[in-house]
């Protein structure tokens, strides 16, 4: 029977145990700190026109009904190098999570060593002990085998490893959301690059057509000048207009080449031109996008969710740093065998076991642990601000997109009216000049106004497309999971399609 006196000290230990639990609650075992956000508004300040039915944001670019754009976006999902980097970072985060989860288990190490030592056998063979050389002494060799198995486990009394695992999980989830956010962003990048290049191609075609018109006008004025019908002022104005149009053509051509180079990079291709060679046009009908409720925005945006997971990771890092200030308790178990023969060293009968419990108390380290906890706490505070800023930025992007959609649609209508009026004005000015009613100056002015209006209308259509793209991506979505499930990285780091 165990003497009852062994348990008489338990009441005295209760306050100590309660203190330990209290301290542990302030360290890694404490719950994740939540962050209070300002109550979002009940509705967005800006609204789309009431007659817009709206479409879902699931694979939003399908609403453009553009097979070329569909193919480009699909190609980007299978070739874009930044997308491949994001997938690799996600795999890296998964491996880091598995590393952190390894703290659930003890560390087990095996060891084996072979030792060989030689010495002289016989009396008087040790010169350091006053011995003399003994011709009869013999040189002997002794072998020794040591084998062992050691297991070490640190007790997570303060929740240090628990906080580390939670932080790794939050970091992994943040990488998931970052990957979703870039997938959403990549669809917008490709759409903007494609329609931006098509816009410049349309403007180039307009400028080339204008050059033909200006060249024909110059020939006509030169003939009229030779006959004495046109003045030198008309001739110089025609030459000036043609030279300016040629300069515009070169500038626009350079911008088009840069736009097609950028599209090449998105497709993981060397910079090349020719992407828009053909009869490509901007969508005549711009699809509508229905905005979500403000209360849903934080849950729909992967970038906001990523910032929240980084907030959790920062909180867990702070908890882990606090837990590191307290003593660490470890258990070590060892099995070892030692013999001149290897099989004897491995014989269970000769195995010796030992168990050790140890405690390590940080006494002095130059303030490293304390300052590490302060740095981690400051990192959490910084992440709080980053998370709140991400939420505000999300609302700003939606509000901006809503305003742009409403206003740019009206702007496009006005640009169309402007182009129609400029076309009519040019026709009247040309007729008046050919009939000799006016000189060539009104024609020059009307031509410049017409070309400017046509180019502005093309740009206005692209701006409205860009606004639709911004709204579709600002609202967030969930279609990205289907894309991520369809691709993976091979051993060389290249994107490949997942096959069932």
Protein backbone atom coordinates (compact mmCIF):
# COMPACT_ATOMS: atom_id res chain seq x y z
CA UNK A 1 0.00 0.00 0.00
CA UNK A 2 1.24 3.47 -0.89
CA UNK A 3 1.68 5.64 2.18
CA UNK A 4 -0.98 8.33 2.33
CA UNK A 5 1.66 10.89 3.36
CA UNK A 6 2.86 11.10 -0.23
CA UNK A 7 -0.27 13.08 -1.19
CA UNK A 8 -0.29 15.53 1.68
CA UNK A 9 1.52 18.16 -0.43
CA UNK A 10 -1.21 18.31 -3.13
CA UNK A 11 -3.20 21.15 -1.50
CA UNK A 12 -0.06 23.26 -1.44
CA UNK A 13 0.50 22.64 -5.15
CA UNK A 14 -2.97 23.77 -6.23
CA UNK A 15 -2.15 27.54 -6.25
CA UNK A 16 0.96 26.79 -8.30
CA UNK A 17 -1.06 24.74 -10.78
CA UNK A 18 -3.64 27.50 -11.10
CA UNK A 19 -0.86 30.02 -11.69
CA UNK A 20 0.61 27.82 -14.39
CA UNK A 21 -2.77 27.51 -16.10
CA UNK A 22 -3.23 31.29 -15.92
CA UNK A 23 0.18 31.92 -17.44
CA UNK A 24 -0.42 29.29 -20.08
CA UNK A 25 -3.68 31.02 -20.98
CA UNK A 26 -1.71 34.21 -21.63
CA UNK A 27 0.67 32.37 -23.94
CA UNK A 28 0.13 30.03 -26.87
CA UNK A 29 -3.12 28.50 -25.65
CA UNK A 30 -5.06 31.76 -25.66
CA UNK A 31 -7.78 32.17 -28.30
CA UNK A 32 -7.08 34.07 -31.50
CA UNK A 33 -7.71 37.77 -31.00
CA UNK A 34 -10.54 39.09 -33.13
CA UNK A 35 -10.60 42.48 -34.81
CA UNK A 36 -13.69 44.64 -34.80
CA UNK A 37 -14.46 46.24 -38.15
CA UNK A 38 -16.61 49.27 -38.71
CA UNK A 39 -20.14 48.28 -39.66
CA UNK A 40 -20.26 48.28 -43.48
CA UNK A 41 -22.87 50.49 -45.12
CA UNK A 42 -26.19 48.92 -45.97
CA UNK A 43 -25.74 49.65 -49.67
CA UNK A 44 -23.13 51.05 -52.00
CA UNK A 45 -23.31 54.78 -52.55
CA UNK A 46 -23.10 54.37 -56.31
CA UNK A 47 -25.51 52.21 -58.24
CA UNK A 48 -25.79 50.92 -61.75
CA UNK A 49 -28.76 52.18 -63.79
CA UNK A 50 -32.00 50.49 -62.83
CA UNK A 51 -32.53 48.97 -66.28
CA UNK A 52 -29.42 46.79 -66.02
CA UNK A 53 -30.40 43.19 -65.36
CA UNK A 54 -26.88 42.13 -64.45
CA UNK A 55 -25.10 38.81 -64.87
CA UNK A 56 -23.30 36.54 -62.47
CA UNK A 57 -19.57 37.04 -61.97
CA UNK A 58 -18.86 33.34 -62.48
CA UNK A 59 -16.26 33.30 -65.31
CA UNK A 60 -17.37 36.82 -66.07
CA UNK A 61 -15.41 37.14 -69.34
CA UNK A 62 -17.72 34.60 -70.99
CA UNK A 63 -20.31 37.38 -71.20
CA UNK A 64 -18.14 39.13 -73.82
CA UNK A 65 -18.79 36.20 -76.17
CA UNK A 66 -15.23 36.47 -77.48
CA UNK A 67 -13.68 33.09 -78.43
CA UNK A 68 -10.22 34.64 -78.77
CA UNK A 69 -10.38 36.06 -75.26
CA UNK A 70 -11.61 32.70 -73.94
CA UNK A 71 -8.64 30.94 -75.51
CA UNK A 72 -6.15 33.53 -74.22
CA UNK A 73 -7.38 33.31 -70.64
CA UNK A 74 -7.35 29.51 -70.74
CA UNK A 75 -3.81 29.61 -72.12
CA UNK A 76 -2.74 31.96 -69.34
CA UNK A 77 -4.08 29.55 -66.73
CA UNK A 78 -1.81 26.87 -68.23
CA UNK A 79 1.30 28.91 -69.05
CA UNK A 80 1.54 32.14 -67.07
CA UNK A 81 4.78 32.14 -65.09
CA UNK A 82 3.55 34.25 -62.20
CA UNK A 83 0.66 31.82 -61.85
CA UNK A 84 3.21 28.99 -61.70
CA UNK A 85 5.12 30.89 -59.00
CA UNK A 86 1.95 31.29 -56.96
CA UNK A 87 1.24 27.55 -57.21
CA UNK A 88 4.78 26.77 -56.08
CA UNK A 89 4.46 29.19 -53.14
CA UNK A 90 1.26 27.44 -52.19
CA UNK A 91 3.04 24.08 -52.23
CA UNK A 92 5.77 25.65 -50.10
CA UNK A 93 3.18 26.81 -47.56
CA UNK A 94 1.69 23.31 -47.46
CA UNK A 95 5.12 21.83 -46.73
CA UNK A 96 5.69 24.42 -43.98
CA UNK A 97 2.36 23.44 -42.45
CA UNK A 98 3.40 19.78 -42.41
CA UNK A 99 6.70 20.78 -40.80
CA UNK A 100 4.84 22.61 -38.04
CA UNK A 101 2.54 19.62 -37.51
CA UNK A 102 5.61 17.51 -36.87
CA UNK A 103 5.75 19.01 -33.37
CA UNK A 104 2.92 16.65 -32.44
CA UNK A 105 5.41 13.78 -32.47
CA UNK A 106 8.69 13.08 -30.68
CA UNK A 107 11.97 13.34 -32.52
CA UNK A 108 13.60 9.93 -32.88
CA UNK A 109 17.24 9.53 -33.90
CA UNK A 110 19.32 6.42 -34.37
CA UNK A 111 23.10 6.31 -33.99
CA UNK A 112 25.88 3.81 -34.54
CA UNK A 113 29.62 4.10 -34.12
CA UNK A 114 32.64 1.87 -34.50
CA UNK A 115 35.76 2.46 -32.43
CA UNK A 116 39.15 0.82 -32.80
CA UNK A 117 42.05 1.34 -30.38
CA UNK A 118 45.47 -0.23 -30.09
CA UNK A 119 47.98 -0.71 -27.23
CA UNK A 120 51.04 -2.78 -26.16
CA UNK A 121 50.54 -5.74 -23.89
CA UNK A 122 53.26 -6.69 -21.34
CA UNK A 123 55.08 -5.30 -18.28
CA UNK A 124 57.13 -2.12 -18.54
CA UNK A 125 55.76 -1.09 -21.88
CA UNK A 126 54.46 2.32 -20.77
CA UNK A 127 57.30 4.89 -21.04
CA UNK A 128 55.25 7.54 -19.25
CA UNK A 129 55.03 5.26 -16.20
CA UNK A 130 58.80 4.75 -16.07
CA UNK A 131 58.69 1.56 -18.09
CA UNK A 132 61.31 0.39 -20.53
CA UNK A 133 61.00 -1.18 -23.93
CA UNK A 134 60.00 -4.83 -23.62
CA UNK A 135 60.88 -6.87 -26.69
CA UNK A 136 58.26 -9.42 -25.68
CA UNK A 137 55.44 -6.89 -25.69
CA UNK A 138 52.75 -7.40 -28.29
CA UNK A 139 50.58 -4.81 -30.01
CA UNK A 140 46.90 -5.45 -29.32
CA UNK A 141 43.82 -3.97 -31.09
CA UNK A 142 40.44 -3.64 -29.42
CA UNK A 143 37.16 -3.04 -31.30
CA UNK A 144 34.07 -1.47 -29.84
CA UNK A 145 30.56 -1.06 -31.30
CA UNK A 146 28.04 1.49 -29.96
CA UNK A 147 24.44 1.55 -31.15
CA UNK A 148 21.63 3.66 -29.79
CA UNK A 149 18.12 4.98 -30.30
CA UNK A 150 17.08 8.31 -28.76
CA UNK A 151 13.59 9.83 -28.59
CA UNK A 152 13.05 13.42 -27.42
CA UNK A 153 9.76 15.21 -26.86
CA UNK A 154 9.20 18.72 -25.55
CA UNK A 155 6.05 19.18 -23.50
CA UNK A 156 3.94 21.99 -24.92
CA UNK A 157 2.94 23.30 -21.52
CA UNK A 158 2.69 26.93 -22.63
CA UNK A 159 1.22 26.26 -26.08
CA UNK A 160 4.29 27.35 -28.05
CA UNK A 161 4.00 24.59 -30.61
CA UNK A 162 0.22 24.80 -30.61
CA UNK A 163 0.46 28.46 -31.62
CA UNK A 164 3.09 27.60 -34.21
CA UNK A 165 0.80 25.01 -35.81
CA UNK A 166 -2.12 27.43 -35.84
CA UNK A 167 0.08 30.12 -37.40
CA UNK A 168 1.30 27.73 -40.09
CA UNK A 169 -2.27 26.75 -40.87
CA UNK A 170 -3.28 30.41 -41.19
CA UNK A 171 -0.29 31.09 -43.46
CA UNK A 172 -1.28 28.12 -45.60
CA UNK A 173 -4.84 29.40 -45.88
CA UNK A 174 -3.52 32.86 -46.77
CA UNK A 175 -1.50 31.31 -49.59
CA UNK A 176 -4.68 29.62 -50.83
CA UNK A 177 -6.49 32.95 -50.90
CA UNK A 178 -3.51 34.64 -52.57
CA UNK A 179 -3.65 31.99 -55.28
CA UNK A 180 -7.37 32.55 -55.78
CA UNK A 181 -6.84 36.31 -55.84
CA UNK A 182 -4.15 36.06 -58.50
CA UNK A 183 -6.29 33.70 -60.58
CA UNK A 184 -9.02 36.33 -60.53
CA UNK A 185 -6.50 39.07 -61.24
CA UNK A 186 -4.94 37.11 -64.11
CA UNK A 187 -8.28 36.90 -65.91
CA UNK A 188 -8.50 40.70 -65.69
CA UNK A 189 -4.87 41.21 -66.77
CA UNK A 190 -5.34 39.11 -69.89
CA UNK A 191 -8.66 40.80 -70.73
CA UNK A 192 -7.18 44.27 -70.38
CA UNK A 193 -4.06 43.34 -72.35
CA UNK A 194 -6.11 41.83 -75.17
CA UNK A 195 -8.67 44.58 -75.49
CA UNK A 196 -6.01 47.22 -75.00
CA UNK A 197 -4.08 45.79 -77.95
CA UNK A 198 -7.28 45.54 -80.02
CA UNK A 199 -8.06 49.18 -79.19
CA UNK A 200 -4.65 50.29 -80.42
CA UNK A 201 -5.06 48.15 -83.55
CA UNK A 202 -8.41 49.80 -84.28
CA UNK A 203 -6.84 53.21 -83.81
CA UNK A 204 -3.97 52.19 -86.07
CA UNK A 205 -6.45 51.17 -88.76
CA UNK A 206 -8.21 54.51 -88.35
CA UNK A 207 -4.93 56.42 -88.63
CA UNK A 208 -3.87 54.40 -91.70
CA UNK A 209 -7.20 55.18 -93.35
CA UNK A 210 -6.73 58.82 -92.46
CA UNK A 211 -3.24 58.82 -94.00
CA UNK A 212 -4.72 57.58 -97.26
CA UNK A 213 -7.30 60.36 -97.17
CA UNK A 214 -4.70 63.01 -96.32
CA UNK A 215 -2.39 61.78 -99.08
CA UNK A 216 -5.19 61.95 -101.64
CA UNK A 217 -6.14 65.42 -100.43
CA UNK A 218 -2.54 66.58 -100.76
CA UNK A 219 -2.37 65.33 -104.34
CA UNK A 220 -5.62 67.09 -105.14
CA UNK A 221 -4.43 70.38 -103.59
CA UNK A 222 -1.08 70.14 -105.41
CA UNK A 223 -2.94 69.79 -108.71
CA UNK A 224 -5.21 72.71 -107.84
CA UNK A 225 -2.17 74.74 -106.80
CA UNK A 226 -0.43 74.03 -110.12
CA UNK A 227 -3.55 75.27 -111.92
CA UNK A 228 -3.67 78.34 -109.70
CA UNK A 229 -6.93 77.35 -108.05
CA UNK A 230 -5.50 76.61 -104.56
CA UNK A 231 -3.28 78.89 -102.55
CA UNK A 232 0.10 78.10 -101.05
CA UNK A 233 -1.52 78.31 -97.63
CA UNK A 234 -3.80 75.41 -98.57
CA UNK A 235 -0.78 73.42 -99.76
CA UNK A 236 1.18 73.97 -96.55
CA UNK A 237 -1.83 73.11 -94.41
CA UNK A 238 -2.31 69.82 -96.27
CA UNK A 239 1.36 68.96 -95.88
CA UNK A 240 1.25 69.85 -92.18
CA UNK A 241 -1.80 67.69 -91.59
CA UNK A 242 -0.27 64.71 -93.40
CA UNK A 243 3.02 64.99 -91.50
CA UNK A 244 1.16 65.12 -88.18
CA UNK A 245 -0.88 62.04 -89.09
CA UNK A 246 2.28 60.16 -90.02
CA UNK A 247 3.80 61.03 -86.64
CA UNK A 248 0.62 59.81 -84.91
CA UNK A 249 0.83 56.56 -86.89
CA UNK A 250 4.40 55.91 -85.71
CA UNK A 251 3.56 56.70 -82.08
CA UNK A 252 0.49 54.49 -82.09
CA UNK A 253 2.43 51.70 -83.82
CA UNK A 254 5.03 51.75 -81.04
CA UNK A 255 2.29 51.59 -78.38
CA UNK A 256 0.64 48.69 -80.19
CA UNK A 257 3.91 46.76 -80.30
CA UNK A 258 4.42 47.30 -76.55
CA UNK A 259 0.86 46.14 -75.83
CA UNK A 260 1.35 42.95 -77.85
CA UNK A 261 4.70 42.36 -76.13
CA UNK A 262 2.95 42.57 -72.76
CA UNK A 263 0.34 40.08 -73.95
CA UNK A 264 3.16 37.75 -75.00
CA UNK A 265 4.67 37.82 -71.52
CA UNK A 266 1.32 36.93 -69.95
CA UNK A 267 1.27 33.86 -72.22
CA UNK A 268 4.85 32.96 -71.12
CA UNK A 269 6.09 33.72 -74.63
CA UNK A 270 8.98 35.84 -75.85
CA UNK A 271 7.86 39.35 -76.84
CA UNK A 272 6.33 39.29 -80.31
CA UNK A 273 3.80 41.19 -82.34
CA UNK A 274 0.96 40.04 -84.55
CA UNK A 275 -1.51 39.03 -81.84
CA UNK A 276 -4.15 41.39 -83.22
CA UNK A 277 -3.49 40.81 -86.92
CA UNK A 278 -6.92 40.19 -88.38
CA UNK A 279 -10.38 41.62 -88.16
CA UNK A 280 -10.67 41.81 -84.35
CA UNK A 281 -13.07 44.33 -82.84
CA UNK A 282 -14.15 45.44 -79.41
CA UNK A 283 -17.44 43.93 -78.17
CA UNK A 284 -20.32 46.00 -79.45
CA UNK A 285 -22.46 45.07 -76.45
CA UNK A 286 -20.80 45.48 -73.07
CA UNK A 287 -22.21 42.95 -70.56
CA UNK A 288 -23.66 44.16 -67.29
CA UNK A 289 -22.53 43.05 -63.85
CA UNK A 290 -24.84 43.04 -60.85
CA UNK A 291 -23.17 44.28 -57.66
CA UNK A 292 -23.25 42.21 -54.49
CA UNK A 293 -24.47 43.47 -51.14
CA UNK A 294 -21.85 45.38 -49.11
CA UNK A 295 -22.17 42.87 -46.27
CA UNK A 296 -21.11 40.06 -48.64
CA UNK A 297 -18.06 41.79 -50.05
CA UNK A 298 -15.59 40.81 -47.30
CA UNK A 299 -16.50 37.13 -47.72
CA UNK A 300 -16.37 37.25 -51.54
CA UNK A 301 -12.95 38.88 -51.92
CA UNK A 302 -10.04 36.40 -51.73
CA UNK A 303 -7.51 39.18 -51.13
CA UNK A 304 -9.42 40.34 -48.05
CA UNK A 305 -9.67 36.77 -46.77
CA UNK A 306 -5.92 36.39 -47.31
CA UNK A 307 -5.21 39.46 -45.19
CA UNK A 308 -7.41 38.07 -42.43
CA UNK A 309 -5.49 34.78 -42.43
CA UNK A 310 -2.23 36.73 -42.21
CA UNK A 311 -3.76 38.54 -39.25
CA UNK A 312 -4.39 35.18 -37.55
CA UNK A 313 -0.83 34.06 -38.37
CA UNK A 314 0.58 37.26 -36.85
CA UNK A 315 -1.47 36.73 -33.68
CA UNK A 316 -0.23 33.14 -33.39
CA UNK A 317 3.36 34.31 -33.89
CA UNK A 318 2.90 36.74 -31.01
CA UNK A 319 1.47 33.97 -28.81
CA UNK A 320 4.38 31.69 -29.73
CA UNK A 321 6.90 34.40 -28.85
CA UNK A 322 5.29 34.91 -25.43
CA UNK A 323 5.36 31.18 -24.77
CA UNK A 324 9.07 31.18 -25.56
CA UNK A 325 9.70 33.32 -22.46
CA UNK A 326 8.79 30.44 -20.13
CA UNK A 327 10.75 27.31 -19.18
CA UNK A 328 10.74 24.37 -21.57
CA UNK A 329 10.23 20.81 -20.34
CA UNK A 330 11.60 17.87 -22.29
CA UNK A 331 11.46 14.09 -22.00
CA UNK A 332 14.28 11.99 -23.44
CA UNK A 333 14.33 8.20 -23.73
CA UNK A 334 17.33 6.23 -24.91
CA UNK A 335 18.13 2.64 -25.82
CA UNK A 336 21.81 1.75 -26.27
CA UNK A 337 24.00 -1.24 -26.71
CA UNK A 338 27.78 -1.59 -26.51
CA UNK A 339 30.02 -4.55 -27.30
CA UNK A 340 33.10 -5.63 -29.16
CA UNK A 341 30.85 -7.50 -31.58
CA UNK A 342 28.11 -5.81 -33.53
CA UNK A 343 25.63 -8.64 -33.06
CA UNK A 344 26.24 -8.54 -29.31
CA UNK A 345 25.64 -4.78 -29.27
CA UNK A 346 22.29 -5.41 -30.98
CA UNK A 347 21.33 -8.26 -28.68
CA UNK A 348 18.23 -7.25 -26.65
CA UNK A 349 19.82 -8.78 -23.56
CA UNK A 350 22.64 -6.25 -23.68
CA UNK A 351 20.43 -3.20 -24.44
CA UNK A 352 20.41 -0.54 -21.73
CA UNK A 353 17.56 1.95 -21.49
CA UNK A 354 17.38 5.33 -19.78
CA UNK A 355 14.78 8.05 -19.33
CA UNK A 356 15.54 11.69 -18.61
CA UNK A 357 13.26 14.57 -17.76
CA UNK A 358 14.82 18.01 -18.13
CA UNK A 359 13.84 21.64 -17.80
CA UNK A 360 15.50 24.60 -19.49
CA UNK A 361 14.89 28.02 -17.93
CA UNK A 362 15.84 31.17 -19.86
CA UNK A 363 17.74 33.32 -17.37
CA UNK A 364 19.76 35.76 -19.45
CA UNK A 365 19.88 36.15 -23.21
CA UNK A 366 20.47 39.84 -23.69
CA UNK A 367 16.75 40.56 -23.98
CA UNK A 368 16.39 38.56 -27.19
CA UNK A 369 13.31 36.63 -26.12
CA UNK A 370 11.57 39.65 -24.63
CA UNK A 371 12.24 41.80 -27.66
CA UNK A 372 11.19 38.95 -29.94
CA UNK A 373 7.79 38.96 -28.21
CA UNK A 374 7.55 42.74 -28.58
CA UNK A 375 8.46 42.52 -32.27
CA UNK A 376 5.83 39.83 -32.84
CA UNK A 377 3.21 41.93 -31.05
CA UNK A 378 4.10 44.94 -33.20
CA UNK A 379 3.80 42.72 -36.28
CA UNK A 380 0.28 41.77 -35.22
CA UNK A 381 -0.67 45.43 -34.79
CA UNK A 382 0.68 46.20 -38.25
CA UNK A 383 -1.35 43.35 -39.70
CA UNK A 384 -4.49 44.67 -38.01
CA UNK A 385 -4.05 47.91 -39.92
CA UNK A 386 -3.28 45.98 -43.13
CA UNK A 387 -6.47 43.94 -42.78
CA UNK A 388 -8.63 47.00 -42.15
CA UNK A 389 -6.99 48.74 -45.09
CA UNK A 390 -7.71 45.74 -47.33
CA UNK A 391 -11.39 45.95 -46.40
CA UNK A 392 -11.55 49.67 -47.13
CA UNK A 393 -9.69 49.22 -50.41
CA UNK A 394 -12.17 46.52 -51.46
CA UNK A 395 -15.07 48.90 -50.89
CA UNK A 396 -13.24 51.69 -52.70
CA UNK A 397 -12.62 49.50 -55.75
CA UNK A 398 -16.28 48.53 -55.95
CA UNK A 399 -17.46 52.12 -55.52
CA UNK A 400 -14.99 53.31 -58.17
CA UNK A 401 -16.10 50.60 -60.56
CA UNK A 402 -19.78 51.40 -60.02
CA UNK A 403 -19.20 55.09 -60.70
CA UNK A 404 -17.10 54.35 -63.78
CA UNK A 405 -19.68 51.94 -65.19
CA UNK A 406 -22.50 54.44 -64.87
CA UNK A 407 -20.57 57.48 -66.04
CA UNK A 408 -18.51 55.88 -68.80
CA UNK A 409 -21.60 54.39 -70.39
CA UNK A 410 -22.99 57.90 -70.69
CA UNK A 411 -19.61 59.13 -71.90
CA UNK A 412 -19.63 56.53 -74.70
CA UNK A 413 -23.03 57.78 -75.89
CA UNK A 414 -21.72 61.34 -75.98
CA UNK A 415 -18.59 60.22 -77.85
CA UNK A 416 -20.79 58.54 -80.46
CA UNK A 417 -22.79 61.74 -80.87
CA UNK A 418 -19.54 63.69 -81.12
CA UNK A 419 -18.20 61.38 -83.85
CA UNK A 420 -21.44 61.62 -85.84
CA UNK A 421 -21.41 65.40 -85.65
CA UNK A 422 -17.72 65.58 -86.57
CA UNK A 423 -18.32 63.30 -89.57
CA UNK A 424 -21.11 65.57 -90.81
CA UNK A 425 -19.01 68.67 -90.23
CA UNK A 426 -16.14 67.20 -92.26
CA UNK A 427 -18.48 66.36 -95.14
CA UNK A 428 -19.83 69.91 -95.22
CA UNK A 429 -16.38 71.50 -94.97
CA UNK A 430 -15.05 69.30 -97.79
CA UNK A 431 -18.00 70.08 -100.04
CA UNK A 432 -17.58 73.82 -99.41
CA UNK A 433 -13.88 73.66 -100.25
CA UNK A 434 -14.41 71.70 -103.47
CA UNK A 435 -17.08 74.18 -104.55
CA UNK A 436 -14.64 77.02 -103.85
CA UNK A 437 -16.73 78.53 -101.06
CA UNK A 438 -13.92 78.38 -98.47
CA UNK A 439 -10.21 77.73 -98.31
CA UNK A 440 -8.66 74.53 -96.98
CA UNK A 441 -8.41 75.63 -93.32
CA UNK A 442 -11.98 74.62 -92.35
CA UNK A 443 -11.34 71.22 -93.90
CA UNK A 444 -8.17 70.80 -91.83
CA UNK A 445 -10.00 71.74 -88.65
CA UNK A 446 -12.91 69.43 -89.45
CA UNK A 447 -10.58 66.54 -90.28
CA UNK A 448 -8.70 66.92 -87.01
CA UNK A 449 -11.94 67.08 -85.08
CA UNK A 450 -13.32 64.01 -86.84
CA UNK A 451 -10.19 61.89 -86.29
CA UNK A 452 -10.01 62.99 -82.67
CA UNK A 453 -13.68 62.12 -82.13
CA UNK A 454 -13.31 58.68 -83.73
CA UNK A 455 -10.24 57.86 -81.65
CA UNK A 456 -11.95 59.15 -78.51
CA UNK A 457 -14.97 56.93 -79.23
CA UNK A 458 -12.75 53.85 -79.60
CA UNK A 459 -10.99 54.73 -76.34
CA UNK A 460 -14.33 55.34 -74.61
CA UNK A 461 -15.52 51.86 -75.60
CA UNK A 462 -12.34 50.35 -74.16
CA UNK A 463 -12.73 52.42 -70.98
CA UNK A 464 -16.25 51.04 -70.52
CA UNK A 465 -14.92 47.50 -71.05
CA UNK A 466 -12.23 48.19 -68.47
CA UNK A 467 -14.87 49.42 -66.03
CA UNK A 468 -16.89 46.21 -66.48
CA UNK A 469 -13.73 44.17 -65.89
CA UNK A 470 -12.93 46.17 -62.76
CA UNK A 471 -16.41 45.68 -61.35
CA UNK A 472 -16.45 41.94 -62.06
CA UNK A 473 -13.11 41.42 -60.31
CA UNK A 474 -13.76 43.91 -57.49
CA UNK A 475 -16.83 41.96 -56.43
CA UNK A 476 -14.88 38.70 -56.05
CA UNK A 477 -16.09 35.25 -57.04
CA UNK A 478 -15.67 31.53 -56.42
CA UNK A 479 -15.02 30.15 -59.92
CA UNK A 480 -11.26 30.18 -59.29
CA UNK A 481 -11.41 26.84 -57.44
CA UNK A 482 -12.39 25.05 -60.66
CA UNK A 483 -9.36 26.51 -62.42
CA UNK A 484 -7.00 25.58 -59.59
CA UNK A 485 -8.31 22.02 -59.58
CA UNK A 486 -7.50 21.68 -63.29
CA UNK A 487 -3.77 22.54 -63.20
CA UNK A 488 -0.69 21.49 -61.29
CA UNK A 489 3.10 21.77 -61.47
CA UNK A 490 5.23 18.95 -62.83
CA UNK A 491 8.70 18.08 -61.61
CA UNK A 492 10.28 20.82 -63.72
CA UNK A 493 7.96 23.50 -62.32
CA UNK A 494 5.89 23.76 -65.50
CA UNK A 495 2.12 24.10 -65.46
CA UNK A 496 0.32 21.01 -66.73
CA UNK A 497 -3.32 20.07 -67.02
CA UNK A 498 -4.68 17.66 -64.45
CA UNK A 499 -5.97 14.49 -66.05
CA UNK A 500 -8.51 12.27 -64.38
